[in-house]
Amino acid sequence: MRKIIYLLFSLLICSANILKAQNLNKNSKEQLDFEKKESLVFNDKNLTEFPKEILNYKNLKELKFIDCPINNIPDWIEKLDSLKTITIKNGALYEVNPKLCKLTSLEELILHKNNLSTLPSTFSNLKDLKTIVLSENQFETLPDCLFELENLTFLNVDKNYLVEFPEKLGKLTKLTTLRATNNNLIKLNNSIQNLKELDLLFLQDNQIIELPESIGELISLRGLELSGNKLKTLPQSFSNLKNLEWLSMYENKLFSEFPENIGGLEKLTNLQLSKSKIKTLPESFANLQKLNLLDLGRNELLGFPIQITSLKNLSTLELYGNNILSIPDEISLLTNLRKLNLSYNSITTLNEKILLLENLRELKIFGNKINSIPNSLKTKSTLKIIN
């Protein structure tokens, strides 16, 4: 009997030790997970505060709150000193806790669609910040502290209430992308000339009446979006933007006679100028030999601009909604053309020279006065005619 009792007692102790070891292993594994985890993403429409359990993650590099109505940033945020990225997207922030500004290793801060109208003065301590997104907030002016961030390369202030950029904008000399669409900007000041590394500039849907001559100093610029403004002309220096590859200026109040200096932009591949009241194109337009896409729809062109027929690399040509009466024989020179939109003009006959466009795949001609389509075009198997 004693042997049986001793054996049972030994088994009980052994089981307890195994259970203890399992718990230790479980705790160790959890601890290891806390130490290894570098990214946390929350997506909870009922989450209004930072969960304090985040503090358990000692090597956290990325913290994201997507569609969470976060209404404050806690003081203990300063303890997460390994963070490189913070995102609070579609939140409910009215202010940024100055404690966040102690995270001097932070490189990316995305605060899209909150209720922010200012930033703490200590924001300038975030010297390693390269990306800031403040789109869809309540900024009427941009705070000075923003322009002390000398390593900033990407700034997005889309959909705020900005009327102008401060002169200090020129201090952000490493900026490569600047987005300020859907604001109330009336003009750009000369400080923009200091942004020598700027690659992409998005300013559509503002109230800009004119561009400064200093814009010609943006020698690295490859993309410029100016659609939906009130531009009537371009500065002489505009032709200095020798690296510009795409330019969008549709829906402006320009240009009954398009400026001659457009011909200096010889690297352009994409040019969008629809709804801008253009009646004629300058002779220099023929210099845009790299142009691949040209949109001149909904203008007031009085005929097919003959300069276009010099653009041998053109693959998409939009001429819908103008006053074009006929198609010139020179259309046959556009040997790389794949899409041609001539809808809503006053064309009565189709020039059979179109048949020579061997790469043409789509021809839109609806909304004209064309009575019949030549059989030679109808029977071209590789061409889709939309009438």
Protein backbone atom coordinates (compact mmCIF):
# COMPACT_ATOMS: atom_id res chain seq x y z
CA MET A 1 0.00 0.00 0.00
CA ARG A 2 2.83 2.39 0.91
CA LYS A 3 4.48 1.74 -2.45
CA ILE A 4 1.27 2.59 -4.28
CA ILE A 5 0.80 5.83 -2.30
CA TYR A 6 4.45 6.78 -2.94
CA LEU A 7 4.05 6.08 -6.64
CA LEU A 8 0.89 8.22 -6.87
CA PHE A 9 2.58 11.05 -4.97
CA SER A 10 5.57 10.91 -7.34
CA LEU A 11 3.29 11.06 -10.37
CA LEU A 12 1.45 14.08 -8.90
CA ILE A 13 4.71 15.97 -8.37
CA CYS A 14 5.89 15.09 -11.87
CA SER A 15 2.61 16.33 -13.42
CA ALA A 16 2.85 19.58 -11.47
CA ASN A 17 6.41 20.12 -12.72
CA ILE A 18 5.36 19.43 -16.32
CA LEU A 19 2.46 21.90 -16.00
CA LYS A 20 4.79 24.48 -14.48
CA ALA A 21 7.27 23.97 -17.32
CA GLN A 22 4.49 24.35 -19.90
CA ASN A 23 3.38 27.61 -18.33
CA LEU A 24 6.95 28.86 -18.27
CA ASN A 25 7.32 27.95 -21.93
CA LYS A 26 4.04 29.68 -22.76
CA ASN A 27 5.08 32.82 -20.88
CA SER A 28 8.48 32.73 -22.54
CA LYS A 29 6.85 32.38 -25.96
CA GLU A 30 4.53 35.33 -25.26
CA GLN A 31 7.50 37.37 -24.08
CA LEU A 32 9.38 36.38 -27.20
CA ASP A 33 6.41 37.49 -29.36
CA PHE A 34 6.38 40.86 -27.60
CA GLU A 35 10.07 41.26 -28.30
CA LYS A 36 9.91 40.16 -31.93
CA LYS A 37 6.75 41.93 -33.07
CA GLU A 38 7.62 45.06 -35.05
CA SER A 39 4.24 46.05 -36.50
CA LEU A 40 0.75 46.49 -35.04
CA VAL A 41 -2.33 47.40 -37.07
CA PHE A 42 -5.72 48.20 -35.52
CA ASN A 43 -8.97 48.46 -37.46
CA ASP A 44 -11.84 48.86 -35.00
CA LYS A 45 -14.57 51.49 -35.29
CA ASN A 46 -15.14 51.30 -31.55
CA LEU A 47 -11.52 51.96 -30.59
CA THR A 48 -11.12 55.53 -29.32
CA GLU A 49 -7.86 55.24 -27.34
CA PHE A 50 -4.44 53.61 -27.68
CA PRO A 51 -4.56 50.19 -25.94
CA LYS A 52 -2.01 50.28 -23.14
CA GLU A 53 -0.96 46.71 -23.98
CA ILE A 54 1.05 48.27 -26.80
CA LEU A 55 3.71 49.04 -24.21
CA ASN A 56 4.52 45.31 -24.05
CA TYR A 57 5.98 45.47 -27.55
CA LYS A 58 9.52 46.59 -26.91
CA ASN A 59 10.76 46.63 -30.52
CA LEU A 60 7.72 48.10 -32.23
CA LYS A 61 8.64 49.92 -35.45
CA GLU A 62 5.20 50.51 -36.97
CA LEU A 63 1.89 51.41 -35.32
CA LYS A 64 -1.25 51.89 -37.40
CA PHE A 65 -4.84 52.83 -36.55
CA ILE A 66 -7.07 52.60 -39.64
CA ASP A 67 -10.71 53.75 -39.36
CA CYS A 68 -10.43 53.94 -35.56
CA PRO A 69 -11.95 57.10 -33.99
CA ILE A 70 -8.82 57.75 -31.89
CA ASN A 71 -9.40 61.05 -30.07
CA ASN A 72 -6.11 61.48 -28.21
CA ILE A 73 -2.51 60.34 -28.14
CA PRO A 74 -1.48 59.16 -24.64
CA ASP A 75 1.48 60.56 -22.69
CA TRP A 76 3.09 57.13 -22.59
CA ILE A 77 3.61 57.30 -26.37
CA GLU A 78 7.09 58.66 -25.55
CA LYS A 79 8.09 55.21 -24.23
CA LEU A 80 7.72 53.66 -27.70
CA ASP A 81 11.07 55.04 -28.73
CA SER A 82 11.74 52.40 -31.40
CA LEU A 83 8.80 53.55 -33.56
CA LYS A 84 9.57 54.58 -37.14
CA THR A 85 5.98 54.92 -38.44
CA ILE A 86 2.73 56.11 -36.85
CA THR A 87 -0.54 56.13 -38.79
CA ILE A 88 -3.87 57.45 -37.50
CA LYS A 89 -6.13 57.41 -40.55
CA ASN A 90 -9.79 58.45 -40.40
CA GLY A 91 -9.43 59.27 -36.71
CA ALA A 92 -10.86 61.94 -34.40
CA LEU A 93 -7.76 63.82 -33.26
CA TYR A 94 -8.05 67.54 -32.50
CA GLU A 95 -4.44 67.88 -31.38
CA VAL A 96 -1.10 66.11 -31.39
CA ASN A 97 0.24 65.34 -27.93
CA PRO A 98 3.66 67.04 -27.52
CA LYS A 99 4.90 63.78 -25.95
CA LEU A 100 4.88 62.28 -29.44
CA CYS A 101 7.58 64.79 -30.36
CA LYS A 102 10.03 62.89 -28.13
CA LEU A 103 10.05 60.02 -30.63
CA THR A 104 13.11 61.39 -32.40
CA SER A 105 13.57 58.22 -34.49
CA LEU A 106 10.18 58.67 -36.16
CA GLU A 107 10.45 58.75 -39.98
CA GLU A 108 6.82 58.62 -41.14
CA LEU A 109 3.74 60.25 -39.62
CA ILE A 110 0.38 59.79 -41.33
CA LEU A 111 -2.54 61.69 -39.79
CA HIS A 112 -4.98 61.62 -42.70
CA LYS A 113 -8.57 62.73 -42.09
CA ASN A 114 -8.60 63.97 -38.52
CA ASN A 115 -9.59 67.37 -37.11
CA LEU A 116 -6.17 68.95 -36.73
CA SER A 117 -5.64 72.67 -37.24
CA THR A 118 -2.22 73.11 -35.60
CA LEU A 119 0.86 71.22 -34.39
CA PRO A 120 2.84 71.56 -31.15
CA SER A 121 5.92 73.80 -31.35
CA THR A 122 8.08 70.84 -30.30
CA PHE A 123 7.12 69.11 -33.57
CA SER A 124 10.37 70.51 -34.93
CA ASN A 125 12.24 67.99 -32.73
CA LEU A 126 11.27 65.20 -35.14
CA LYS A 127 14.38 65.73 -37.23
CA ASP A 128 14.34 62.28 -38.82
CA LEU A 129 10.85 62.68 -40.29
CA LYS A 130 10.85 62.06 -44.03
CA THR A 131 7.10 61.68 -44.68
CA ILE A 132 4.21 63.70 -43.27
CA VAL A 133 0.59 63.27 -44.35
CA LEU A 134 -1.84 65.88 -42.99
CA SER A 135 -4.49 65.58 -45.69
CA GLU A 136 -8.19 66.15 -44.93
CA ASN A 137 -7.71 68.12 -41.73
CA GLN A 138 -8.61 71.70 -40.77
CA PHE A 139 -5.38 73.63 -41.43
CA GLU A 140 -5.83 77.23 -42.59
CA THR A 141 -2.11 77.90 -42.28
CA LEU A 142 0.83 75.57 -41.87
CA PRO A 143 2.71 76.00 -38.57
CA ASP A 144 6.33 77.21 -38.58
CA CYS A 145 7.56 74.08 -36.80
CA LEU A 146 6.80 72.06 -39.94
CA PHE A 147 9.44 73.93 -41.89
CA GLU A 148 12.22 73.07 -39.44
CA LEU A 149 12.14 69.43 -40.56
CA GLU A 150 15.12 69.59 -42.88
CA ASN A 151 15.02 65.87 -43.84
CA LEU A 152 11.42 65.94 -45.06
CA THR A 153 11.00 64.46 -48.55
CA PHE A 154 7.21 63.94 -48.79
CA LEU A 155 4.54 66.42 -47.62
CA ASN A 156 0.82 65.90 -48.20
CA VAL A 157 -1.59 68.67 -47.14
CA ASP A 158 -4.42 67.82 -49.58
CA LYS A 159 -7.97 68.92 -48.72
CA ASN A 160 -7.34 71.55 -46.08
CA TYR A 161 -8.15 75.27 -46.12
CA LEU A 162 -4.80 76.76 -47.08
CA VAL A 163 -4.76 80.11 -48.88
CA GLU A 164 -1.00 80.30 -49.37
CA PHE A 165 2.29 78.67 -48.46
CA PRO A 166 4.51 80.60 -46.07
CA GLU A 167 7.92 81.81 -47.27
CA LYS A 168 9.47 79.20 -45.00
CA LEU A 169 8.39 76.50 -47.42
CA GLY A 170 11.70 77.11 -49.15
CA LYS A 171 13.54 75.65 -46.16
CA LEU A 172 12.40 72.14 -47.07
CA THR A 173 15.21 71.72 -49.58
CA LYS A 174 15.07 67.89 -49.60
CA LEU A 175 11.40 67.75 -50.54
CA THR A 176 10.73 65.50 -53.55
CA THR A 177 6.91 65.34 -53.42
CA LEU A 178 4.54 68.13 -52.44
CA ARG A 179 0.77 67.60 -52.47
CA ALA A 180 -1.62 70.48 -51.78
CA THR A 181 -4.71 69.67 -53.85
CA ASN A 182 -8.25 70.85 -52.98
CA ASN A 183 -7.25 73.87 -50.91
CA ASN A 184 -7.88 77.58 -51.48
CA LEU A 185 -4.43 78.50 -52.76
CA ILE A 186 -4.42 81.69 -54.82
CA LYS A 187 -0.73 81.84 -55.70
CA LEU A 188 2.69 80.38 -55.07
CA ASN A 189 5.37 82.59 -53.59
CA ASN A 190 8.98 82.76 -54.76
CA SER A 191 10.28 80.54 -51.96
CA ILE A 192 9.30 77.54 -54.09
CA GLN A 193 12.43 78.14 -56.16
CA ASN A 194 14.53 76.64 -53.35
CA LEU A 195 12.93 73.20 -53.78
CA LYS A 196 15.57 72.08 -56.27
CA GLU A 197 14.96 68.36 -55.60
CA LEU A 198 11.19 68.52 -56.08
CA ASP A 199 10.12 65.68 -58.38
CA LEU A 200 6.30 65.80 -58.18
CA LEU A 201 4.05 68.79 -57.48
CA PHE A 202 0.26 68.38 -57.12
CA LEU A 203 -1.79 71.60 -56.96
CA GLN A 204 -5.07 70.72 -58.68
CA ASP A 205 -8.42 72.15 -57.58
CA ASN A 206 -7.22 75.40 -56.04
CA GLN A 207 -7.77 79.03 -57.06
CA ILE A 208 -4.34 79.75 -58.55
CA ILE A 209 -4.46 82.64 -61.03
CA GLU A 210 -0.80 82.76 -62.04
CA LEU A 211 2.49 81.01 -61.45
CA PRO A 212 5.63 82.87 -60.37
CA GLU A 213 8.65 83.10 -62.66
CA SER A 214 10.57 81.27 -59.94
CA ILE A 215 8.77 78.04 -60.83
CA GLY A 216 11.29 77.68 -63.63
CA GLU A 217 13.92 76.95 -60.96
CA LEU A 218 12.38 73.52 -60.25
CA ILE A 219 14.92 71.80 -62.44
CA SER A 220 14.22 68.27 -61.08
CA LEU A 221 10.45 68.42 -61.62
CA ARG A 222 9.07 65.44 -63.59
CA GLY A 223 5.34 65.75 -62.86
CA LEU A 224 3.12 68.82 -62.43
CA GLU A 225 -0.62 68.74 -61.72
CA LEU A 226 -2.35 72.13 -62.11
CA SER A 227 -5.86 71.12 -63.18
CA GLY A 228 -8.94 72.88 -61.86
CA ASN A 229 -7.33 76.28 -61.23
CA LYS A 230 -7.83 79.72 -62.82
CA LEU A 231 -4.64 80.00 -64.85
CA LYS A 232 -4.74 82.27 -67.90
CA THR A 233 -1.11 82.15 -68.94
CA LEU A 234 2.27 80.60 -68.15
CA PRO A 235 5.42 82.42 -67.02
CA GLN A 236 8.30 82.70 -69.51
CA SER A 237 10.45 80.55 -67.23
CA PHE A 238 8.06 77.61 -67.66
CA SER A 239 10.12 76.35 -70.58
CA ASN A 240 13.04 75.85 -68.16
CA LEU A 241 11.32 72.76 -66.73
CA LYS A 242 13.41 70.59 -69.03
CA ASN A 243 12.83 67.36 -67.07
CA LEU A 244 9.04 67.60 -67.01
CA GLU A 245 7.50 64.35 -68.27
CA TRP A 246 3.81 64.81 -67.48
CA LEU A 247 1.77 67.97 -67.20
CA SER A 248 -1.93 68.20 -66.39
CA MET A 249 -3.69 71.57 -66.75
CA TYR A 250 -7.23 70.60 -67.73
CA GLU A 251 -10.15 72.78 -66.65
CA ASN A 252 -8.36 76.11 -66.37
CA LYS A 253 -9.24 79.46 -67.91
CA LEU A 254 -6.30 79.31 -70.27
CA PHE A 255 -5.63 79.81 -73.21
CA SER A 256 -7.34 81.08 -76.32
CA GLU A 257 -3.85 81.14 -77.80
CA PHE A 258 -1.63 78.59 -76.08
CA PRO A 259 1.77 79.96 -74.93
CA GLU A 260 4.69 79.42 -77.32
CA ASN A 261 7.05 78.38 -74.52
CA ILE A 262 5.29 75.01 -74.15
CA GLY A 263 7.58 73.85 -76.94
CA GLY A 264 10.56 73.94 -74.59
CA LEU A 265 9.27 70.95 -72.62
CA GLU A 266 10.85 68.39 -74.89
CA LYS A 267 10.71 65.49 -72.41
CA LEU A 268 6.92 65.61 -72.05
CA THR A 269 5.22 62.25 -72.59
CA ASN A 270 1.78 63.03 -71.12
CA LEU A 271 -0.05 66.35 -71.62
CA GLN A 272 -3.65 66.93 -70.50
CA LEU A 273 -5.27 70.22 -71.52
CA SER A 274 -8.99 69.48 -71.79
CA LYS A 275 -11.65 72.08 -70.94
CA SER A 276 -9.29 75.06 -71.16
CA LYS A 277 -10.84 77.16 -73.96
CA ILE A 278 -7.90 76.60 -76.30
CA LYS A 279 -8.49 77.77 -79.87
CA THR A 280 -5.06 77.37 -81.45
CA LEU A 281 -1.72 75.72 -80.73
CA PRO A 282 1.66 77.40 -81.22
CA GLU A 283 4.11 76.21 -83.89
CA SER A 284 6.48 75.15 -81.11
CA PHE A 285 4.01 72.41 -80.17
CA ALA A 286 5.67 70.29 -82.85
CA ASN A 287 8.80 70.14 -80.63
CA LEU A 288 7.07 67.78 -78.19
CA GLN A 289 8.43 64.74 -79.97
CA LYS A 290 8.28 62.40 -76.96
CA LEU A 291 4.59 63.00 -76.36
CA ASN A 292 2.70 59.74 -75.93
CA LEU A 293 -0.69 60.98 -74.69
CA LEU A 294 -2.33 64.28 -75.64
CA ASP A 295 -5.75 65.31 -74.36
CA LEU A 296 -7.23 68.44 -75.97
CA GLY A 297 -10.85 67.47 -75.47
CA ARG A 298 -13.61 70.01 -74.79
CA ASN A 299 -11.71 73.02 -76.01
CA GLU A 300 -12.55 75.49 -78.79
CA LEU A 301 -10.20 74.26 -81.51
CA LEU A 302 -11.30 75.65 -84.86
CA GLY A 303 -9.74 72.80 -86.82
CA PHE A 304 -7.46 69.80 -86.57
CA PRO A 305 -4.15 71.31 -85.31
CA ILE A 306 -1.62 70.43 -88.02
CA GLN A 307 1.27 70.66 -85.50
CA ILE A 308 0.01 67.47 -83.89
CA THR A 309 0.82 65.45 -87.01
CA SER A 310 4.55 65.95 -86.28
CA LEU A 311 4.30 64.01 -83.01
CA LYS A 312 5.50 60.63 -84.22
CA ASN A 313 5.41 58.91 -80.77
CA LEU A 314 1.80 59.81 -80.05
CA SER A 315 -0.29 56.74 -79.16
CA THR A 316 -3.41 58.37 -77.63
CA LEU A 317 -5.00 61.51 -79.06
CA GLU A 318 -8.15 63.02 -77.52
CA LEU A 319 -9.81 65.74 -79.63
CA TYR A 320 -13.44 65.22 -78.58
CA GLY A 321 -15.77 68.18 -78.08
CA ASN A 322 -14.13 70.79 -80.35
CA ASN A 323 -15.08 72.52 -83.60
CA ILE A 324 -13.16 70.28 -85.99
CA LEU A 325 -14.71 70.05 -89.47
CA SER A 326 -12.33 67.70 -91.25
CA ILE A 327 -9.33 65.40 -90.81
CA PRO A 328 -6.16 66.37 -92.74
CA ASP A 329 -4.22 63.94 -94.94
CA GLU A 330 -1.25 64.41 -92.60
CA ILE A 331 -3.07 62.24 -90.05
CA SER A 332 -1.26 59.35 -91.75
CA LEU A 333 2.05 60.57 -90.24
CA LEU A 334 0.96 59.47 -86.74
CA THR A 335 2.19 55.94 -87.30
CA ASN A 336 2.22 54.95 -83.60
CA LEU A 337 -1.33 56.11 -82.90
CA ARG A 338 -3.47 53.46 -81.18
CA LYS A 339 -6.45 55.50 -79.89
CA LEU A 340 -8.08 58.45 -81.64
CA ASN A 341 -11.10 60.22 -80.17
CA LEU A 342 -12.85 62.64 -82.55
CA SER A 343 -16.31 62.43 -80.98
CA TYR A 344 -18.58 65.47 -80.68
CA ASN A 345 -17.09 67.60 -83.42
CA SER A 346 -18.58 68.71 -86.75
CA ILE A 347 -16.91 66.17 -89.03
CA THR A 348 -18.96 65.09 -92.04
CA THR A 349 -16.61 62.63 -93.78
CA LEU A 350 -13.82 60.33 -92.62
CA ASN A 351 -10.50 60.73 -94.39
CA GLU A 352 -9.43 57.32 -95.70
CA LYS A 353 -5.82 58.22 -94.86
CA ILE A 354 -6.75 56.89 -91.41
CA LEU A 355 -6.40 53.48 -93.03
CA LEU A 356 -2.62 54.03 -93.13
CA LEU A 357 -2.46 54.09 -89.33
CA GLU A 358 -1.48 50.46 -88.95
CA ASN A 359 -1.34 50.59 -85.16
CA LEU A 360 -4.72 52.26 -84.71
CA ARG A 361 -7.00 50.06 -82.61
CA GLU A 362 -9.81 52.41 -81.51
CA LEU A 363 -11.54 55.26 -83.35
CA LYS A 364 -14.33 57.21 -81.64
CA ILE A 365 -16.48 59.30 -83.99
CA PHE A 366 -19.92 59.50 -82.33
CA GLY A 367 -21.57 62.91 -82.00
CA ASN A 368 -20.47 64.07 -85.48
CA LYS A 369 -22.36 64.49 -88.78
CA ILE A 370 -20.85 61.52 -90.57
CA ASN A 371 -23.36 59.91 -92.94
CA SER A 372 -21.34 56.85 -93.87
CA ILE A 373 -18.09 55.12 -92.98
CA PRO A 374 -15.85 54.05 -95.90
CA ASN A 375 -15.86 50.28 -96.44
CA SER A 376 -12.07 50.24 -96.29
CA LEU A 377 -12.31 51.34 -92.67
CA LYS A 378 -15.30 49.18 -91.83
CA THR A 379 -13.52 46.04 -92.95
CA LYS A 380 -10.27 46.69 -91.13
CA SER A 381 -10.34 43.81 -88.63
CA THR A 382 -7.88 45.33 -86.17
CA LEU A 383 -9.80 48.60 -85.83
CA LYS A 384 -12.75 49.15 -83.49
CA ILE A 385 -14.90 52.07 -84.63
CA ILE A 386 -17.20 53.50 -81.98
CA ASN A 387 -19.93 55.46 -83.74
